[in-house]
Protein backbone atom coordinates (compact mmCIF):
# COMPACT_ATOMS: atom_id res chain seq x y z
CA UNK A 1 0.00 0.00 0.00
CA UNK A 2 1.38 3.41 -0.99
CA UNK A 3 2.20 5.74 1.92
CA UNK A 4 -0.16 8.71 2.36
CA UNK A 5 0.97 12.25 3.13
CA UNK A 6 -1.21 15.11 4.29
CA UNK A 7 -0.08 18.65 3.40
CA UNK A 8 -1.84 21.01 5.83
CA UNK A 9 -0.15 24.31 4.81
CA UNK A 10 0.54 26.06 1.52
CA UNK A 11 3.29 24.18 -0.35
CA UNK A 12 4.58 24.60 -3.89
CA UNK A 13 2.88 22.53 -6.63
CA UNK A 14 6.35 21.24 -7.62
CA UNK A 15 6.68 19.65 -4.15
CA UNK A 16 3.30 17.93 -4.52
CA UNK A 17 4.49 16.59 -7.87
CA UNK A 18 7.65 15.14 -6.27
CA UNK A 19 5.51 13.10 -3.85
CA UNK A 20 3.31 11.85 -6.71
CA UNK A 21 6.27 11.01 -8.96
CA UNK A 22 7.85 8.98 -6.16
CA UNK A 23 4.65 6.97 -5.63
CA UNK A 24 3.39 8.70 -2.47
CA UNK A 25 -0.34 9.51 -2.20
CA UNK A 26 -0.91 13.19 -1.41
CA UNK A 27 -3.86 14.94 0.21
CA UNK A 28 -3.33 18.70 -0.25
CA UNK A 29 -5.44 20.75 2.20
CA UNK A 30 -3.53 24.06 2.49
CA UNK A 31 -5.90 25.69 5.01
CA UNK A 32 -6.31 22.71 7.32
CA UNK A 33 -3.43 23.78 9.59
CA UNK A 34 -5.59 26.57 11.01
CA UNK A 35 -8.26 24.08 12.15
CA UNK A 36 -6.71 22.04 14.98
CA UNK A 37 -9.85 20.01 15.68
CA UNK A 38 -10.32 18.96 12.05
CA UNK A 39 -6.61 18.09 11.78
CA UNK A 40 -6.82 15.92 14.93
CA UNK A 41 -9.91 14.23 13.49
CA UNK A 42 -8.25 13.07 10.24
CA UNK A 43 -4.52 12.78 11.12
CA UNK A 44 -4.95 9.06 11.92
CA UNK A 45 -5.28 8.30 8.18
CA UNK A 46 -1.76 9.45 7.21
CA UNK A 47 1.84 8.20 7.32
CA UNK A 48 3.35 11.66 6.78
CA UNK A 49 2.45 15.29 7.55
CA UNK A 50 4.08 18.13 5.58
CA UNK A 51 3.78 21.57 7.19
CA UNK A 52 5.04 25.14 7.18
CA UNK A 53 4.57 27.42 10.21
CA UNK A 54 0.75 27.71 10.34
CA UNK A 55 0.13 24.13 11.49
CA UNK A 56 0.68 23.56 15.21
CA UNK A 57 1.42 19.89 15.93
CA UNK A 58 0.26 19.50 19.54
CA UNK A 59 0.28 16.43 21.84
CA UNK A 60 -3.50 16.22 21.27
CA UNK A 61 -2.99 15.89 17.50
CA UNK A 62 -0.12 13.42 17.95
CA UNK A 63 -2.29 11.32 20.27
CA UNK A 64 -4.61 10.62 17.31
CA UNK A 65 -1.77 10.14 14.81
CA UNK A 66 -1.58 6.36 15.05
CA UNK A 67 -0.18 5.81 11.54
CA UNK A 68 2.10 8.84 11.46
CA UNK A 69 5.78 8.09 10.85
CA UNK A 70 7.19 11.46 9.79
CA UNK A 71 6.50 15.20 10.05
CA UNK A 72 8.32 17.36 7.50
CA UNK A 73 8.68 21.09 8.16
CA UNK A 74 9.44 23.15 5.06
CA UNK A 75 11.75 25.62 6.82
CA UNK A 76 14.14 25.61 9.76
CA UNK A 77 12.14 26.38 12.92
CA UNK A 78 10.28 23.42 14.42
CA UNK A 79 8.88 25.31 17.42
CA UNK A 80 5.36 24.64 16.09
CA UNK A 81 5.90 20.89 16.66
CA UNK A 82 5.84 19.38 20.15
CA UNK A 83 9.16 17.53 19.81
CA UNK A 84 9.05 15.50 23.06
CA UNK A 85 5.53 14.28 22.19
CA UNK A 86 6.56 13.42 18.61
CA UNK A 87 9.66 11.58 19.84
CA UNK A 88 7.68 9.66 22.45
CA UNK A 89 5.29 8.63 19.67
CA UNK A 90 8.23 7.49 17.52
CA UNK A 91 7.54 10.12 14.85
CA UNK A 92 10.57 11.44 12.97
CA UNK A 93 10.54 15.25 12.69
CA UNK A 94 12.50 16.67 9.76
CA UNK A 95 13.29 20.25 8.81
CA UNK A 96 15.12 21.90 5.92
CA UNK A 97 17.88 23.80 7.73
CA UNK A 98 19.64 25.41 4.79
CA UNK A 99 16.89 26.19 2.28
CA UNK A 100 16.14 29.77 3.32
CA UNK A 101 19.34 31.07 4.92
CA UNK A 102 20.21 33.53 2.13
CA UNK A 103 16.66 34.88 2.03
CA UNK A 104 16.60 35.57 5.77
CA UNK A 105 20.06 37.18 5.66
CA UNK A 106 19.01 39.41 2.76
CA UNK A 107 15.89 40.47 4.68
CA UNK A 108 18.05 41.57 7.63
CA UNK A 109 20.21 43.66 5.26
CA UNK A 110 17.08 45.13 3.61
CA UNK A 111 15.71 46.05 7.05
CA UNK A 112 19.03 47.69 7.95
CA UNK A 113 18.83 49.91 4.86
CA UNK A 114 15.13 50.68 5.45
CA UNK A 115 16.07 51.80 8.96
CA UNK A 116 19.17 53.76 7.94
CA UNK A 117 17.29 55.76 5.30
CA UNK A 118 13.80 55.81 6.92
CA UNK A 119 12.38 54.39 3.70
CA UNK A 120 8.91 53.26 4.93
CA UNK A 121 8.12 56.62 6.60
CA UNK A 122 9.54 58.58 3.65
CA UNK A 123 7.47 56.48 1.23
CA UNK A 124 4.23 57.06 3.19
CA UNK A 125 4.94 60.80 3.44
CA UNK A 126 5.80 61.17 -0.26
CA UNK A 127 2.76 59.18 -1.43
CA UNK A 128 0.62 61.41 0.78
CA UNK A 129 1.89 64.36 -1.31
CA UNK A 130 3.98 65.98 1.45
CA UNK A 131 7.48 66.09 -0.13
CA UNK A 132 9.27 66.38 3.23
CA UNK A 133 12.80 66.38 1.81
CA UNK A 134 14.38 67.86 4.94
CA UNK A 135 12.53 65.63 7.41
CA UNK A 136 14.18 62.33 6.47
CA UNK A 137 17.85 62.65 7.30
CA UNK A 138 19.30 59.15 7.12
CA UNK A 139 22.70 57.71 7.95
CA UNK A 140 25.24 55.92 5.74
CA UNK A 141 26.08 52.31 6.52
CA UNK A 142 29.58 52.55 4.98
CA UNK A 143 32.20 52.71 7.73
CA UNK A 144 29.67 51.97 10.47
CA UNK A 145 30.09 49.07 12.93
CA UNK A 146 27.69 46.18 12.43
CA UNK A 147 27.32 43.98 15.53
CA UNK A 148 26.07 40.45 14.83
CA UNK A 149 24.72 38.41 17.74
CA UNK A 150 24.92 34.79 16.56
CA UNK A 151 27.27 34.08 13.67
CA UNK A 152 26.02 30.69 12.49
CA UNK A 153 24.51 29.78 9.13
CA UNK A 154 22.47 33.01 8.61
CA UNK A 155 24.64 35.32 10.73
CA UNK A 156 27.74 34.47 8.71
CA UNK A 157 25.94 35.36 5.43
CA UNK A 158 24.95 38.72 6.98
CA UNK A 159 28.59 39.18 8.07
CA UNK A 160 29.85 38.62 4.51
CA UNK A 161 27.28 41.09 3.13
CA UNK A 162 28.25 43.62 5.84
CA UNK A 163 31.92 43.31 4.89
CA UNK A 164 30.90 43.82 1.24
CA UNK A 165 29.10 47.02 2.25
CA UNK A 166 32.40 48.29 3.71
CA UNK A 167 31.12 48.05 7.27
CA UNK A 168 33.27 47.13 10.27
CA UNK A 169 31.73 43.80 11.33
CA UNK A 170 31.99 42.49 14.91
CA UNK A 171 30.34 39.29 16.14
CA UNK A 172 29.38 37.75 19.47
CA UNK A 173 29.04 33.97 19.29
CA UNK A 174 30.60 31.61 21.86
CA UNK A 175 30.92 28.93 19.16
CA UNK A 176 32.65 31.08 16.54
CA UNK A 177 36.33 30.14 16.26
CA UNK A 178 38.99 32.82 15.68
CA UNK A 179 39.89 31.02 12.40
CA UNK A 180 36.30 31.17 11.10
CA UNK A 181 36.03 34.82 12.18
CA UNK A 182 39.18 35.55 10.16
CA UNK A 183 37.72 33.77 7.09
CA UNK A 184 34.57 35.89 7.35
CA UNK A 185 36.51 39.11 7.90
CA UNK A 186 34.83 39.78 11.25
CA UNK A 187 36.20 40.55 14.72
CA UNK A 188 35.05 38.15 17.43
CA UNK A 189 34.07 40.06 20.60
CA UNK A 190 32.30 39.58 23.93
CA UNK A 191 28.66 40.74 24.19
CA UNK A 192 29.40 43.83 26.33
CA UNK A 193 32.03 44.95 23.82
CA UNK A 194 29.58 44.51 20.93
CA UNK A 195 26.88 46.49 22.76
CA UNK A 196 29.28 49.36 23.46
CA UNK A 197 30.65 49.60 19.89
CA UNK A 198 27.93 48.70 17.38
CA UNK A 199 26.05 51.31 15.34
CA UNK A 200 23.72 48.58 14.06
CA UNK A 201 22.95 45.36 15.98
CA UNK A 202 21.38 42.41 14.16
CA UNK A 203 20.30 39.19 15.88
CA UNK A 204 20.77 35.74 14.33
CA UNK A 205 20.53 33.29 17.19
CA UNK A 206 17.88 30.72 18.16
CA UNK A 207 15.64 31.39 21.16
CA UNK A 208 16.95 29.41 24.14
CA UNK A 209 17.05 29.95 27.90
CA UNK A 210 20.46 31.60 27.41
CA UNK A 211 19.38 33.93 24.57
CA UNK A 212 15.88 34.89 25.78
CA UNK A 213 15.86 38.70 26.24
CA UNK A 214 19.56 38.83 25.33
CA UNK A 215 18.77 42.49 24.61
CA UNK A 216 17.21 43.14 28.04
CA UNK A 217 16.67 46.60 29.57
CA UNK A 218 20.06 46.19 31.25
CA UNK A 219 21.84 45.29 27.98
CA UNK A 220 20.03 47.96 25.96
CA UNK A 221 21.39 50.50 28.47
CA UNK A 222 24.92 49.33 27.58
CA UNK A 223 24.46 50.11 23.87
CA UNK A 224 25.90 53.12 22.10
CA UNK A 225 23.51 56.10 21.96
CA UNK A 226 21.91 56.20 18.52
CA UNK A 227 22.16 52.44 17.90
CA UNK A 228 19.74 50.80 15.45
CA UNK A 229 18.50 47.26 16.17
CA UNK A 230 17.35 44.62 13.67
CA UNK A 231 15.67 41.33 14.61
CA UNK A 232 14.83 38.87 11.84
CA UNK A 233 15.57 35.79 13.99
CA UNK A 234 13.08 35.01 16.77
CA UNK A 235 10.61 37.01 18.86
CA UNK A 236 11.68 37.05 22.50
CA UNK A 237 15.38 37.80 21.89
CA UNK A 238 14.66 41.46 22.68
CA UNK A 239 12.63 42.85 25.60
CA UNK A 240 10.08 44.76 23.48
CA UNK A 241 8.81 46.96 26.36
CA UNK A 242 12.38 47.96 27.28
CA UNK A 243 13.20 48.66 23.62
CA UNK A 244 10.13 50.90 23.29
CA UNK A 245 11.30 52.88 26.33
CA UNK A 246 14.80 53.18 24.83
CA UNK A 247 13.28 54.39 21.53
CA UNK A 248 11.08 56.93 23.36
CA UNK A 249 14.11 58.28 25.24
CA UNK A 250 15.99 58.44 21.89
CA UNK A 251 18.82 56.27 23.27
CA UNK A 252 17.99 53.79 20.47
CA UNK A 253 17.61 55.62 17.14
CA UNK A 254 15.49 52.97 15.44
CA UNK A 255 14.45 49.34 15.27
CA UNK A 256 13.43 47.00 12.45
CA UNK A 257 11.59 43.83 13.46
CA UNK A 258 10.37 40.91 11.40
CA UNK A 259 9.60 38.72 14.42
CA UNK A 260 7.65 39.33 17.61
CA UNK A 261 7.16 37.73 21.02
CA UNK A 262 3.51 37.02 20.16
CA UNK A 263 2.63 36.16 16.55
CA UNK A 264 0.50 36.97 14.65
CA UNK A 265 1.32 40.38 16.17
CA UNK A 266 -1.85 42.43 16.06
CA UNK A 267 -0.62 44.71 18.85
CA UNK A 268 2.94 45.21 20.07
CA UNK A 269 4.79 47.78 22.21
CA UNK A 270 6.90 48.73 19.16
CA UNK A 271 3.95 49.50 16.88
CA UNK A 272 3.25 53.14 16.16
CA UNK A 273 6.74 54.46 16.93
CA UNK A 274 7.94 56.69 14.06
CA UNK A 275 11.41 55.08 14.02
CA UNK A 276 10.27 51.47 13.91
CA UNK A 277 9.97 49.35 10.76
CA UNK A 278 7.91 46.14 11.02
CA UNK A 279 7.25 43.25 8.65
CA UNK A 280 5.04 40.18 9.28
CA UNK A 281 7.71 37.43 9.66
CA UNK A 282 8.83 37.64 6.03
CA UNK A 283 12.40 36.44 6.72
CA UNK A 284 12.05 33.31 4.61
CA UNK A 285 9.41 34.66 2.25
CA UNK A 286 10.88 34.73 -1.24
CA UNK A 287 9.80 32.66 -4.19
CA UNK A 288 13.19 30.93 -4.32
CA UNK A 289 13.31 30.04 -0.63
CA UNK A 290 9.72 28.78 -0.52
CA UNK A 291 10.42 26.59 -3.55
CA UNK A 292 13.75 25.30 -2.16
CA UNK A 293 12.41 24.22 1.22
CA UNK A 294 9.23 22.71 -0.27
CA UNK A 295 11.15 20.56 -2.76
CA UNK A 296 13.66 19.56 -0.09
CA UNK A 297 10.99 18.45 2.40
CA UNK A 298 9.13 16.44 -0.27
CA UNK A 299 12.35 14.60 -1.22
CA UNK A 300 13.30 13.89 2.41
CA UNK A 301 9.84 12.63 3.40
CA UNK A 302 9.54 10.45 0.29
CA UNK A 303 12.98 8.92 0.95
CA UNK A 304 12.01 8.06 4.50
CA UNK A 305 8.55 6.66 3.73
CA UNK A 306 9.76 4.58 0.78
CA UNK A 307 13.27 3.47 1.83
CA UNK A 308 13.62 4.24 5.54
CA UNK A 309 16.49 6.68 4.88
CA UNK A 310 16.52 9.59 7.34
CA UNK A 311 17.98 13.02 6.64
CA UNK A 312 17.75 16.36 8.48
CA UNK A 313 15.79 14.83 11.34
CA UNK A 314 15.72 16.97 14.48
CA UNK A 315 15.02 14.05 16.80
CA UNK A 316 16.96 11.18 15.21
CA UNK A 317 20.22 10.77 13.26
CA UNK A 318 20.44 9.80 9.63
CA UNK A 319 20.64 6.02 9.75
CA UNK A 320 19.08 3.12 7.88
CA UNK A 321 16.24 0.99 9.22
CA UNK A 322 18.56 -2.05 9.62
CA UNK A 323 21.08 -0.16 11.74
CA UNK A 324 18.53 1.42 14.09
CA UNK A 325 17.98 -1.29 16.77
CA UNK A 326 21.70 -1.77 17.57
CA UNK A 327 22.52 1.91 17.41
CA UNK A 328 19.57 3.33 19.32
CA UNK A 329 20.78 2.83 22.94
CA UNK A 330 24.27 4.07 22.03
CA UNK A 331 22.81 7.13 20.26
CA UNK A 332 20.96 7.93 23.47
CA UNK A 333 24.17 7.43 25.48
CA UNK A 334 26.28 9.62 23.14
CA UNK A 335 23.69 12.43 23.12
CA UNK A 336 23.38 12.38 26.91
CA UNK A 337 27.16 12.35 27.47
CA UNK A 338 27.38 15.33 25.08
CA UNK A 339 24.50 17.06 26.87
CA UNK A 340 26.17 16.46 30.25
CA UNK A 341 29.39 18.10 29.00
CA UNK A 342 27.47 20.91 27.22
CA UNK A 343 25.46 21.86 30.30
CA UNK A 344 28.68 22.19 32.30
CA UNK A 345 30.52 24.28 29.67
CA UNK A 346 29.91 28.04 29.44
CA UNK A 347 33.04 29.01 27.51
CA UNK A 348 34.18 28.55 23.90
CA UNK A 349 34.69 24.93 22.93
CA UNK A 350 37.87 24.37 20.92
CA UNK A 351 37.92 20.59 20.48
CA UNK A 352 35.65 17.64 21.14
CA UNK A 353 37.40 14.26 21.40
CA UNK A 354 35.24 11.15 21.30
CA UNK A 355 36.74 7.71 21.95
CA UNK A 356 34.76 4.54 21.15
CA UNK A 357 36.10 1.40 22.84
CA UNK A 358 35.04 -2.20 22.39
CA UNK A 359 31.92 -3.40 20.51
CA UNK A 360 30.54 0.13 20.00
CA UNK A 361 33.60 0.92 17.84
CA UNK A 362 32.20 -1.43 15.16
CA UNK A 363 28.90 0.49 14.89
CA UNK A 364 28.23 3.56 12.72
CA UNK A 365 30.20 5.98 14.89
CA UNK A 366 29.44 8.97 12.63
CA UNK A 367 25.81 8.84 13.80
CA UNK A 368 27.00 8.51 17.40
CA UNK A 369 29.38 11.47 17.04
CA UNK A 370 26.55 13.55 15.53
CA UNK A 371 24.38 12.66 18.51
CA UNK A 372 27.15 13.58 20.99
CA UNK A 373 27.85 16.92 19.28
CA UNK A 374 24.11 17.73 19.07
CA UNK A 375 23.80 17.03 22.80
CA UNK A 376 26.87 19.16 23.50
CA UNK A 377 25.73 22.20 21.50
CA UNK A 378 21.97 22.06 22.22
CA UNK A 379 22.11 23.99 25.54
CA UNK A 380 23.36 26.98 23.50
CA UNK A 381 21.74 26.29 20.11
CA UNK A 382 18.18 25.07 20.52
CA UNK A 383 17.48 24.40 16.83
CA UNK A 384 20.44 22.07 16.36
CA UNK A 385 19.78 18.48 15.36
CA UNK A 386 21.85 15.33 15.09
CA UNK A 387 22.13 15.73 11.33
CA UNK A 388 23.24 19.37 11.25
CA UNK A 389 25.41 19.18 14.40
CA UNK A 390 28.74 18.32 12.68
CA UNK A 391 28.36 21.09 10.07
CA UNK A 392 27.31 23.61 12.74
CA UNK A 393 30.37 22.63 14.80
CA UNK A 394 32.61 22.93 11.73
CA UNK A 395 31.10 26.32 10.86
CA UNK A 396 32.04 27.52 14.32
CA UNK A 397 35.54 26.06 14.10
CA UNK A 398 35.01 23.35 16.72
CA UNK A 399 37.41 20.49 15.94
CA UNK A 400 35.87 17.02 16.32
CA UNK A 401 38.24 14.08 16.79
CA UNK A 402 36.99 10.49 16.67
CA UNK A 403 39.01 7.49 17.83
CA UNK A 404 38.00 3.82 17.81
CA UNK A 405 39.87 1.10 19.64
CA UNK A 406 39.55 -2.38 21.14
CA UNK A 407 38.15 -2.68 24.67
CA UNK A 408 40.84 -1.87 27.24
CA UNK A 409 38.93 -1.78 30.53
CA UNK A 410 36.01 -3.33 32.39
CA UNK A 411 33.31 -2.61 29.82
CA UNK A 412 32.30 -4.37 26.63
CA UNK A 413 31.57 -0.94 25.12
CA UNK A 414 32.67 2.48 26.37
CA UNK A 415 32.17 6.00 24.94
CA UNK A 416 34.29 8.87 26.31
CA UNK A 417 33.50 12.50 25.40
CA UNK A 418 36.23 15.05 26.15
CA UNK A 419 35.60 18.79 25.79
CA UNK A 420 38.61 21.09 25.44
CA UNK A 421 38.31 24.87 26.03
CA UNK A 422 40.92 27.59 26.63
CA UNK A 423 40.49 27.09 30.40
CA UNK A 424 40.10 23.35 30.90
CA UNK A 425 39.73 19.82 29.55
CA UNK A 426 36.80 17.76 30.89
CA UNK A 427 35.99 14.09 30.15
CA UNK A 428 32.91 11.99 30.81
CA UNK A 429 32.50 8.28 29.97
CA UNK A 430 29.47 6.03 29.71
CA UNK A 431 28.29 2.60 28.67
CA UNK A 432 25.10 0.68 27.95
CA UNK A 433 24.42 -2.32 30.18
CA UNK A 434 22.39 -5.38 29.20
CA UNK A 435 19.17 -3.62 30.26
CA UNK A 436 19.67 -1.14 27.39
CA UNK A 437 19.92 1.89 29.72
CA UNK A 438 22.81 4.34 29.24
CA UNK A 439 24.96 5.01 32.33
CA UNK A 440 27.73 7.41 33.32
CA UNK A 441 30.73 5.49 34.65
CA UNK A 442 33.48 8.12 34.85
CA UNK A 443 33.55 11.91 35.28
CA UNK A 444 36.88 13.77 35.08
CA UNK A 445 38.76 10.55 35.87
CA UNK A 446 36.63 9.78 38.94
CA UNK A 447 34.73 6.48 38.82
CA UNK A 448 30.99 6.75 39.36
CA UNK A 449 27.95 4.68 38.36
CA UNK A 450 24.75 6.58 37.60
CA UNK A 451 21.77 6.31 35.26
CA UNK A 452 20.67 9.50 33.55
CA UNK A 453 17.44 11.02 34.90
CA UNK A 454 15.28 13.92 33.62
CA UNK A 455 16.40 16.16 36.54
CA UNK A 456 19.80 15.82 38.21
CA UNK A 457 22.15 17.82 40.45
CA UNK A 458 25.90 17.58 39.85
CA UNK A 459 28.22 18.71 42.66
CA UNK A 460 32.02 18.83 42.87
CA UNK A 461 33.32 19.05 46.42
CA UNK A 462 36.18 18.32 48.81
CA UNK A 463 35.99 14.81 50.24
CA UNK A 464 35.36 15.75 53.88
CA UNK A 465 32.91 14.37 56.47
CA UNK A 466 29.51 16.03 56.78
CA UNK A 467 28.97 17.08 53.16
CA UNK A 468 26.45 14.37 52.21
CA UNK A 469 24.30 15.00 55.28
CA UNK A 470 24.18 18.76 54.73
CA UNK A 471 23.52 18.40 51.00
CA UNK A 472 20.74 15.82 51.44
CA UNK A 473 19.30 17.96 54.27
CA UNK A 474 19.03 20.99 51.97
CA UNK A 475 17.19 18.92 49.34
CA UNK A 476 14.89 17.49 52.02
CA UNK A 477 14.13 20.93 53.49
CA UNK A 478 13.19 22.14 50.00
CA UNK A 479 10.79 19.18 49.60
CA UNK A 480 12.87 17.66 46.80
CA UNK A 481 12.91 13.87 46.76
CA UNK A 482 16.16 12.04 45.93
CA UNK A 483 15.70 9.19 43.42
CA UNK A 484 19.33 7.99 43.21
CA UNK A 485 22.59 9.25 44.75
CA UNK A 486 25.91 8.39 43.06
CA UNK A 487 29.24 9.32 44.61
CA UNK A 488 32.88 9.13 43.54
CA UNK A 489 36.27 10.47 44.64
CA UNK A 490 39.84 10.41 43.34
CA UNK A 491 41.33 9.55 46.75
CA UNK A 492 40.43 9.85 50.43
CA UNK A 493 40.20 13.51 51.36
CA UNK A 494 40.72 14.58 47.72
CA UNK A 495 38.30 15.72 45.01
CA UNK A 496 34.82 14.18 45.09
CA UNK A 497 31.69 14.33 42.97
CA UNK A 498 28.01 13.67 43.62
CA UNK A 499 25.49 13.01 40.86
CA UNK A 500 21.98 12.98 42.25
CA UNK A 501 18.74 12.19 40.41
CA UNK A 502 15.81 14.14 41.89
CA UNK A 503 12.05 14.17 41.36
CA UNK A 504 11.36 17.53 39.73
CA UNK A 505 13.24 20.67 38.79
CA UNK A 506 15.78 22.23 41.19
CA UNK A 507 15.04 25.91 42.02
CA UNK A 508 17.92 28.39 41.57
CA UNK A 509 17.74 29.49 45.22
CA UNK A 510 18.25 25.88 46.39
CA UNK A 511 21.24 25.53 44.05
CA UNK A 512 22.71 28.72 45.55
CA UNK A 513 22.38 27.19 49.07
CA UNK A 514 24.16 24.01 47.89
CA UNK A 515 26.87 26.14 46.29
CA UNK A 516 27.34 27.94 49.62
CA UNK A 517 28.09 24.71 51.57
CA UNK A 518 31.68 24.87 52.90
CA UNK A 519 33.16 21.92 50.95
CA UNK A 520 31.37 22.63 47.64
CA UNK A 521 33.38 23.87 44.64
CA UNK A 522 30.54 23.92 42.09
CA UNK A 523 26.89 22.85 41.87
CA UNK A 524 24.82 22.62 38.71
CA UNK A 525 21.27 21.53 37.88
CA UNK A 526 21.12 19.28 34.79
CA UNK A 527 18.18 18.25 32.64
CA UNK A 528 18.08 15.24 30.27
């Protein structure tokens, strides 16, 4: 029986033709995405769902999607898909990460020019017959400093265009290597330096816990007077209320926004200000980009439904159906070891070394390395997936070294992930036991034995009496239940670690109390 795909958003006719040519049945209902109830009612009849941004794939819809194997998003952002729910259901979620990068970068440059020369206001005034030649005094971009926050796929295209416009380009991105910065012709700087120096600031970073309100009231106050701010990335990167206040006080000369905290944006604090230019999330809206991502998603979904080949999946690496059962527990282990290291690393990562020992060395280690790197970078780059992780790491100049060797220790299979930064080198090792569950068995050379849990607390401390009692007491006083408690030390009275699985999230104030205990060197809440 031929697989059936539902297209619930507007997609190019050429993409529909690709499905048909490949032998996939297509049901094209471009307005269905707006009707959640109707979508939930019929989703059970399909093997694939192709969407753009209008369709919201909720747990309620996934609950009814008993045949669904794949969701394909024509575009990069998958924030309209409930990823944990899709993963739990075993549904592959694919995106098209590179199809609209140039279009989005060009929109940011267009917005910068519109802002610099007040084009929208001048157009409205002129068409109203006013001819206010002296009112619209713009600024040149030549020779000005362009500050780019996030110099990944799109940010680096903006950087190249900025250099071409004879601007001085500076970039803040913890993952940008000095070598890559040199190739792009940009100066790598810290955020405070960028805020103080930039005449124009453009944002090109995903929305994560770390980047939410990266331009807060406090950071906007650090900017140069007369700065102009462009956001074509994600709503929520800028505190819109604080920006409005900075525009009203004339500290910020202008802002151009394509994305908003709440979309569709029918009202917004920025609306109505004379020095604000707004567009309705047009970043990826060009004929070429729409066509590219539509054709790409149709090819990827057809490949998966007809042959089992997976590409550009955000919740699974590109592997064949035959390889999946053996690889799956080790993929989970690699991703979690990477995530463990990533959550503990706040500085620039230079090198990632991954050693595969024993039986795991005979598996498809490329998929495992992708999983480890995705886990490592995800705390900082929310949109990253196991397929794009190696190229994102390469783009940012992170060196990835893979080594395979015969088993040398106590385990049939062992994966060790080592992260190297300017300041330190940190290793974590894990294995998969017969029960199929991944475990951590070594942290920074200290033996430990712990299963991963959704919420954990990691503590490094001096090995002195009394620590465990005080630590457990703090958790108990806060009403936090301990599920498992793993301990390790290098030698009596030396360095020790505790890795504790807890029921529920750990509040920041509790973490601060743990950090304040006399023997504690560092305490961190982890989520897996």
